[in-house]
C-alpha atoms as a PDB file:
ATOM      1  CA  MET A   1     -13.009  -6.508  23.905  1.00  0.00           C
ATOM      2  CA  GLU A   2     -11.760  -9.312  21.750  1.00  0.00           C
ATOM      3  CA  GLY A   3      -8.505  -8.866  19.891  1.00  0.00           C
ATOM      4  CA  TYR A   4      -7.380  -8.988  16.315  1.00  0.00           C
ATOM      5  CA  GLU A   5      -7.816 -12.017  14.113  1.00  0.00           C
ATOM      6  CA  ILE A   6      -5.472 -12.657  11.214  1.00  0.00           C
ATOM      7  CA  TYR A   7      -7.405 -12.640   7.966  1.00  0.00           C
ATOM      8  CA  ASP A   8      -4.512 -13.578   5.698  1.00  0.00           C
ATOM      9  CA  GLU A   9      -0.799 -13.090   5.104  1.00  0.00           C
ATOM     10  CA  LEU A  10       1.240 -12.033   2.086  1.00  0.00           C
ATOM     11  CA  CYS A  11       4.537 -13.895   1.834  1.00  0.00           C
ATOM     12  CA  THR A  12       7.656 -13.696  -0.299  1.00  0.00           C
ATOM     13  CA  PRO A  13       8.386 -16.649  -2.599  1.00  0.00           C
ATOM     14  CA  GLU A  14      10.760 -17.853   0.154  1.00  0.00           C
ATOM     15  CA  GLY A  15       7.901 -17.895   2.675  1.00  0.00           C
ATOM     16  CA  ARG A  16       8.780 -14.770   4.701  1.00  0.00           C
ATOM     17  CA  VAL A  17       5.642 -12.941   5.858  1.00  0.00           C
ATOM     18  CA  VAL A  18       5.733  -9.317   4.686  1.00  0.00           C
ATOM     19  CA  ALA A  19       2.112  -8.270   5.267  1.00  0.00           C
ATOM     20  CA  VAL A  20      -0.604  -9.352   7.659  1.00  0.00           C
ATOM     21  CA  LEU A  21      -4.231  -8.498   6.905  1.00  0.00           C
ATOM     22  CA  GLU A  22      -6.300  -8.511  10.068  1.00  0.00           C
ATOM     23  CA  CYS A  23      -9.581  -7.460  11.612  1.00  0.00           C
ATOM     24  CA  PHE A  24     -11.184  -7.288  15.040  1.00  0.00           C
ATOM     25  CA  ALA A  25     -13.269 -10.319  15.916  1.00  0.00           C
ATOM     26  CA  LEU A  26     -16.205  -8.009  16.686  1.00  0.00           C
ATOM     27  CA  SER A  27     -15.832  -6.064  13.400  1.00  0.00           C
ATOM     28  CA  PRO A  28     -15.063  -8.767  10.839  1.00  0.00           C
ATOM     29  CA  THR A  29     -15.541  -6.553   7.776  1.00  0.00           C
ATOM     30  CA  VAL A  30     -13.187  -3.754   8.858  1.00  0.00           C
ATOM     31  CA  TYR A  31      -9.655  -4.532   7.715  1.00  0.00           C
ATOM     32  CA  TYR A  32      -6.240  -3.416   8.921  1.00  0.00           C
ATOM     33  CA  CYS A  33      -2.848  -4.261   7.493  1.00  0.00           C
ATOM     34  CA  ASN A  34       0.683  -4.317   8.840  1.00  0.00           C
ATOM     35  CA  ALA A  35       3.412  -4.596   6.233  1.00  0.00           C
ATOM     36  CA  VAL A  36       7.157  -4.348   5.743  1.00  0.00           C
ATOM     37  CA  THR A  37       8.542  -2.344   2.827  1.00  0.00           C
ATOM     38  CA  PRO A  38      11.419  -3.713   0.744  1.00  0.00           C
ATOM     39  CA  ALA A  39      13.669  -1.324   2.732  1.00  0.00           C
ATOM     40  CA  GLY A  40      12.569  -2.977   5.997  1.00  0.00           C
ATOM     41  CA  LYS A  41      10.298  -0.194   7.277  1.00  0.00           C
ATOM     42  CA  HIS A  42       7.149  -1.230   9.165  1.00  0.00           C
ATOM     43  CA  VAL A  43       3.957   0.527   7.989  1.00  0.00           C
ATOM     44  CA  ARG A  44       0.298   0.161   8.918  1.00  0.00           C
ATOM     45  CA  LEU A  45      -2.985   0.794   7.157  1.00  0.00           C
ATOM     46  CA  SER A  46      -5.811   1.606   9.556  1.00  0.00           C
ATOM     47  CA  ALA A  47      -9.481   0.735   9.295  1.00  0.00           C
ATOM     48  CA  THR A  48     -10.936   0.264   5.842  1.00  0.00           C
ATOM     49  CA  ARG A  49     -14.088  -1.585   4.852  1.00  0.00           C
ATOM     50  CA  ASN A  50     -12.796  -2.419   1.405  1.00  0.00           C
ATOM     51  CA  TYR A  51     -10.900  -5.713   1.301  1.00  0.00           C
ATOM     52  CA  ASN A  52      -9.619  -5.153  -2.246  1.00  0.00           C
ATOM     53  CA  ALA A  53      -8.216  -1.735  -1.340  1.00  0.00           C
ATOM     54  CA  THR A  54      -6.461  -3.244   1.684  1.00  0.00           C
ATOM     55  CA  ARG A  55      -4.956  -6.015  -0.443  1.00  0.00           C
ATOM     56  CA  ASP A  56      -3.882  -3.520  -3.128  1.00  0.00           C
ATOM     57  CA  TRP A  57      -2.217  -1.357  -0.479  1.00  0.00           C
ATOM     58  CA  ALA A  58      -0.276  -4.382   0.804  1.00  0.00           C
ATOM     59  CA  GLU A  59       0.896  -5.137  -2.731  1.00  0.00           C
ATOM     60  CA  ARG A  60       2.070  -1.547  -3.302  1.00  0.00           C
ATOM     61  CA  VAL A  61       3.888  -1.326   0.037  1.00  0.00           C
ATOM     62  CA  THR A  62       5.647  -4.688  -0.215  1.00  0.00           C
ATOM     63  CA  GLY A  63       6.323  -4.587  -3.944  1.00  0.00           C
ATOM     64  CA  LEU A  64       4.817  -8.062  -4.273  1.00  0.00           C
ATOM     65  CA  LYS A  65       1.818  -9.185  -6.257  1.00  0.00           C
ATOM     66  CA  VAL A  66      -0.755 -11.498  -4.723  1.00  0.00           C
ATOM     67  CA  ASP A  67      -0.674 -14.676  -6.787  1.00  0.00           C
ATOM     68  CA  ARG A  68      -3.748 -16.280  -5.264  1.00  0.00           C
ATOM     69  CA  ASP A  69      -7.203 -15.311  -4.158  1.00  0.00           C
ATOM     70  CA  LEU A  70      -6.917 -14.051  -0.586  1.00  0.00           C
ATOM     71  CA  SER A  71     -10.667 -13.583  -0.320  1.00  0.00           C
ATOM     72  CA  GLY A  72     -11.422 -17.242   0.310  1.00  0.00           C
ATOM     73  CA  ARG A  73     -14.125 -16.211   2.746  1.00  0.00           C
ATOM     74  CA  GLY A  74     -15.981 -14.246   0.086  1.00  0.00           C
ATOM     75  CA  GLY A  75     -13.965 -11.167   1.011  1.00  0.00           C
ATOM     76  CA  LYS A  76     -15.448 -11.081   4.490  1.00  0.00           C
ATOM     77  CA  LEU A  77     -14.265 -12.925   7.551  1.00  0.00           C
ATOM     78  CA  LYS A  78     -17.150 -14.680   9.215  1.00  0.00           C
ATOM     79  CA  ARG A  79     -17.279 -14.319  12.960  1.00  0.00           C
ATOM     80  CA  ARG A  80     -16.037 -17.484  14.548  1.00  0.00           C
ATOM     81  CA  PRO A  81     -18.432 -19.358  16.815  1.00  0.00           C
ATOM     82  CA  ARG A  82     -17.558 -19.300  20.498  1.00  0.00           C
END
């Protein structure tokens, strides 16, 4: 089975990555998210088909607000050609 692909990252104003939105290459519309809370705790959101809900969760957990459109692929990662 193919592994995860990074869909996008949420960074602090200083450039530190605090959340990574990802999906499996074979399931490009099922999102997962790993994030770090302001207290430094690592948390994970498992499979969701709703990109906006995944992004909102990352914002709540990190305490940061997305200041750009992370859905540059129309909200769905297209499977990459082999």
